[in-house]
Amino acid sequence: MKLRLDLLEKLTAEDIREEVLANNHRYKSEPLFSKTGVGSLSSASIEERAKEEARNTALIQRLKRRAGTTGKSRKTRN
């Protein structure tokens, strides 16, 4: 997968917050979390991976709209 830096520039804090909240149920803090800041992320199920893929696709489409591009190259007239 090619990283689109032009779309990354259009990413907002709200976009990041949505993804964090979608995965928050998988986070398991260690017993000493307040002291160490250590935790882990449990494995995702097949259904969760499918939902993640759908969220990523929707996010890419939103970022493309914000950027004003469709991913197709535009031909210039001479």
N, C-alpha and C. Protein backbone atom coordinates (compact mmCIF):
# COMPACT_ATOMS: atom_id res chain seq x y z
N MET A 1 0.84 -1.18 0.00
CA MET A 1 0.00 0.00 0.00
C MET A 1 0.89 1.24 0.00
N LYS A 2 0.58 2.17 -0.85
CA LYS A 2 1.36 3.39 -0.97
C LYS A 2 0.82 4.45 -0.01
N LEU A 3 1.71 5.06 0.73
CA LEU A 3 1.33 6.09 1.69
C LEU A 3 1.08 7.39 0.95
N ARG A 4 -0.11 7.94 1.16
CA ARG A 4 -0.49 9.19 0.50
C ARG A 4 -0.28 10.35 1.47
N LEU A 5 0.86 11.00 1.40
CA LEU A 5 1.16 12.10 2.29
C LEU A 5 0.24 13.29 2.06
N ASP A 6 -0.23 13.46 0.82
CA ASP A 6 -1.13 14.57 0.55
C ASP A 6 -2.44 14.40 1.32
N LEU A 7 -2.89 13.16 1.51
CA LEU A 7 -4.11 12.92 2.29
C LEU A 7 -3.83 13.01 3.78
N LEU A 8 -2.63 12.63 4.18
CA LEU A 8 -2.27 12.70 5.60
C LEU A 8 -2.36 14.13 6.12
N GLU A 9 -2.07 15.09 5.26
CA GLU A 9 -2.16 16.49 5.64
C GLU A 9 -3.59 16.92 5.97
N LYS A 10 -4.58 16.19 5.44
CA LYS A 10 -5.98 16.53 5.67
C LYS A 10 -6.57 15.81 6.89
N LEU A 11 -5.79 14.97 7.55
CA LEU A 11 -6.25 14.23 8.72
C LEU A 11 -6.47 15.17 9.89
N THR A 12 -7.60 15.01 10.59
CA THR A 12 -7.91 15.87 11.72
C THR A 12 -7.86 15.08 13.02
N ALA A 13 -7.86 15.80 14.12
CA ALA A 13 -7.88 15.16 15.45
C ALA A 13 -9.14 14.33 15.62
N GLU A 14 -10.24 14.76 15.05
CA GLU A 14 -11.50 14.01 15.14
C GLU A 14 -11.40 12.67 14.41
N ASP A 15 -10.71 12.64 13.28
CA ASP A 15 -10.51 11.39 12.55
C ASP A 15 -9.73 10.40 13.41
N ILE A 16 -8.70 10.88 14.06
CA ILE A 16 -7.87 10.03 14.92
C ILE A 16 -8.68 9.56 16.12
N ARG A 17 -9.46 10.46 16.70
CA ARG A 17 -10.28 10.11 17.87
C ARG A 17 -11.27 8.99 17.54
N GLU A 18 -11.89 9.05 16.37
CA GLU A 18 -12.85 8.00 15.97
C GLU A 18 -12.19 6.63 15.94
N GLU A 19 -10.99 6.56 15.37
CA GLU A 19 -10.30 5.28 15.28
C GLU A 19 -9.86 4.78 16.65
N VAL A 20 -9.40 5.68 17.49
CA VAL A 20 -9.00 5.30 18.85
C VAL A 20 -10.19 4.75 19.61
N LEU A 21 -11.32 5.42 19.53
CA LEU A 21 -12.50 4.95 20.25
C LEU A 21 -13.02 3.62 19.69
N ALA A 22 -12.85 3.41 18.40
CA ALA A 22 -13.29 2.15 17.79
C ALA A 22 -12.46 0.97 18.29
N ASN A 23 -11.21 1.21 18.66
CA ASN A 23 -10.33 0.14 19.13
C ASN A 23 -10.14 0.14 20.63
N ASN A 24 -10.74 1.07 21.33
CA ASN A 24 -10.53 1.22 22.76
C ASN A 24 -10.93 -0.04 23.55
N HIS A 25 -11.95 -0.75 23.12
CA HIS A 25 -12.40 -1.94 23.84
C HIS A 25 -11.36 -3.05 23.82
N ARG A 26 -10.42 -3.00 22.90
CA ARG A 26 -9.38 -4.02 22.80
C ARG A 26 -8.19 -3.76 23.71
N TYR A 27 -8.08 -2.54 24.24
CA TYR A 27 -6.95 -2.18 25.07
C TYR A 27 -7.09 -2.76 26.48
N LYS A 28 -6.03 -3.39 26.95
CA LYS A 28 -6.01 -3.96 28.30
C LYS A 28 -4.82 -3.35 29.05
N SER A 29 -5.12 -2.60 30.08
CA SER A 29 -4.03 -1.99 30.84
C SER A 29 -3.43 -3.01 31.80
N GLU A 30 -2.16 -2.86 32.08
CA GLU A 30 -1.48 -3.72 33.05
C GLU A 30 -1.88 -3.27 34.44
N PRO A 31 -1.74 -4.12 35.44
CA PRO A 31 -2.13 -3.75 36.81
C PRO A 31 -1.42 -2.50 37.33
N LEU A 32 -0.22 -2.28 36.87
CA LEU A 32 0.55 -1.12 37.34
C LEU A 32 0.53 0.01 36.31
N PHE A 33 -0.56 0.09 35.55
CA PHE A 33 -0.64 1.06 34.46
C PHE A 33 -0.35 2.48 34.93
N SER A 34 -0.89 2.87 36.08
CA SER A 34 -0.70 4.24 36.53
C SER A 34 0.77 4.54 36.82
N LYS A 35 1.55 3.53 37.15
CA LYS A 35 2.96 3.74 37.45
C LYS A 35 3.85 3.56 36.22
N THR A 36 3.51 2.58 35.39
CA THR A 36 4.40 2.25 34.27
C THR A 36 3.95 2.80 32.94
N GLY A 37 2.65 3.04 32.77
CA GLY A 37 2.13 3.48 31.48
C GLY A 37 2.13 2.37 30.46
N VAL A 38 2.17 1.10 30.92
CA VAL A 38 2.25 -0.05 30.02
C VAL A 38 0.90 -0.72 29.91
N GLY A 39 0.58 -1.16 28.73
CA GLY A 39 -0.63 -1.91 28.48
C GLY A 39 -0.45 -2.70 27.21
N SER A 40 -1.50 -3.36 26.77
CA SER A 40 -1.41 -4.15 25.55
C SER A 40 -2.72 -4.06 24.79
N LEU A 41 -2.67 -4.42 23.52
CA LEU A 41 -3.84 -4.43 22.66
C LEU A 41 -4.15 -5.88 22.31
N SER A 42 -5.35 -6.33 22.65
CA SER A 42 -5.72 -7.72 22.37
C SER A 42 -5.93 -7.91 20.88
N SER A 43 -5.86 -9.15 20.44
CA SER A 43 -6.04 -9.47 19.03
C SER A 43 -7.45 -9.12 18.56
N ALA A 44 -7.55 -8.79 17.30
CA ALA A 44 -8.85 -8.46 16.71
C ALA A 44 -9.43 -9.70 16.03
N SER A 45 -10.74 -9.79 16.07
CA SER A 45 -11.42 -10.89 15.39
C SER A 45 -11.54 -10.58 13.90
N ILE A 46 -11.98 -11.56 13.14
CA ILE A 46 -12.17 -11.37 11.71
C ILE A 46 -13.20 -10.27 11.46
N GLU A 47 -14.26 -10.25 12.25
CA GLU A 47 -15.30 -9.23 12.10
C GLU A 47 -14.74 -7.84 12.40
N GLU A 48 -13.89 -7.75 13.44
CA GLU A 48 -13.30 -6.46 13.78
C GLU A 48 -12.37 -5.98 12.67
N ARG A 49 -11.64 -6.91 12.06
CA ARG A 49 -10.75 -6.54 10.95
C ARG A 49 -11.57 -6.05 9.75
N ALA A 50 -12.70 -6.67 9.49
CA ALA A 50 -13.57 -6.23 8.38
C ALA A 50 -14.11 -4.83 8.65
N LYS A 51 -14.51 -4.58 9.90
CA LYS A 51 -15.01 -3.25 10.26
C LYS A 51 -13.89 -2.21 10.14
N GLU A 52 -12.68 -2.60 10.54
CA GLU A 52 -11.54 -1.69 10.45
C GLU A 52 -11.26 -1.33 8.99
N GLU A 53 -11.33 -2.32 8.12
CA GLU A 53 -11.12 -2.08 6.68
C GLU A 53 -12.19 -1.12 6.13
N ALA A 54 -13.43 -1.30 6.55
CA ALA A 54 -14.51 -0.42 6.11
C ALA A 54 -14.29 1.00 6.62
N ARG A 55 -13.87 1.14 7.88
CA ARG A 55 -13.59 2.47 8.44
C ARG A 55 -12.44 3.13 7.70
N ASN A 56 -11.40 2.36 7.37
CA ASN A 56 -10.26 2.91 6.66
C ASN A 56 -10.65 3.39 5.26
N THR A 57 -11.46 2.60 4.58
CA THR A 57 -11.92 2.98 3.25
C THR A 57 -12.75 4.26 3.30
N ALA A 58 -13.63 4.35 4.29
CA ALA A 58 -14.45 5.55 4.45
C ALA A 58 -13.58 6.76 4.78
N LEU A 59 -12.58 6.57 5.62
CA LEU A 59 -11.68 7.67 5.97
C LEU A 59 -10.92 8.15 4.74
N ILE A 60 -10.43 7.25 3.94
CA ILE A 60 -9.70 7.63 2.72
C ILE A 60 -10.60 8.44 1.80
N GLN A 61 -11.85 8.02 1.66
CA GLN A 61 -12.79 8.76 0.81
C GLN A 61 -13.05 10.16 1.36
N ARG A 62 -13.21 10.29 2.69
CA ARG A 62 -13.40 11.61 3.31
C ARG A 62 -12.18 12.50 3.08
N LEU A 63 -10.98 11.93 3.24
CA LEU A 63 -9.76 12.71 3.05
C LEU A 63 -9.61 13.14 1.60
N LYS A 64 -10.00 12.29 0.67
CA LYS A 64 -9.94 12.67 -0.75
C LYS A 64 -10.89 13.82 -1.03
N ARG A 65 -12.10 13.78 -0.43
CA ARG A 65 -13.05 14.89 -0.64
C ARG A 65 -12.48 16.17 -0.06
N ARG A 66 -11.87 16.09 1.12
CA ARG A 66 -11.27 17.29 1.73
C ARG A 66 -10.15 17.85 0.86
N ALA A 67 -9.40 16.95 0.25
CA ALA A 67 -8.28 17.37 -0.58
C ALA A 67 -8.76 17.88 -1.94
N GLY A 68 -10.02 17.54 -2.29
CA GLY A 68 -10.55 17.98 -3.57
C GLY A 68 -10.05 17.16 -4.73
N THR A 69 -9.64 15.92 -4.45
CA THR A 69 -9.14 15.05 -5.52
C THR A 69 -9.90 13.73 -5.50
N THR A 70 -9.89 13.07 -6.64
CA THR A 70 -10.51 11.76 -6.72
C THR A 70 -9.49 10.67 -6.95
N GLY A 71 -8.21 11.05 -7.00
CA GLY A 71 -7.16 10.08 -7.24
C GLY A 71 -6.86 9.89 -8.71
N LYS A 72 -7.66 10.50 -9.59
CA LYS A 72 -7.44 10.40 -11.03
C LYS A 72 -6.60 11.58 -11.49
N SER A 73 -5.71 11.34 -12.40
CA SER A 73 -4.90 12.44 -12.91
C SER A 73 -5.71 13.29 -13.86
N ARG A 74 -5.47 14.58 -13.81
CA ARG A 74 -6.18 15.50 -14.69
C ARG A 74 -5.31 15.86 -15.87
N LYS A 75 -5.87 15.79 -17.06
CA LYS A 75 -5.14 16.17 -18.26
C LYS A 75 -5.35 17.65 -18.52
N THR A 76 -4.28 18.31 -18.88
CA THR A 76 -4.38 19.74 -19.18
C THR A 76 -4.53 19.93 -20.67
N ARG A 77 -5.27 20.95 -21.04
CA ARG A 77 -5.45 21.28 -22.47
C ARG A 77 -4.41 22.28 -22.89
N ASN A 78 -3.91 22.10 -24.11
CA ASN A 78 -2.91 23.04 -24.67
C ASN A 78 -3.58 24.08 -25.48
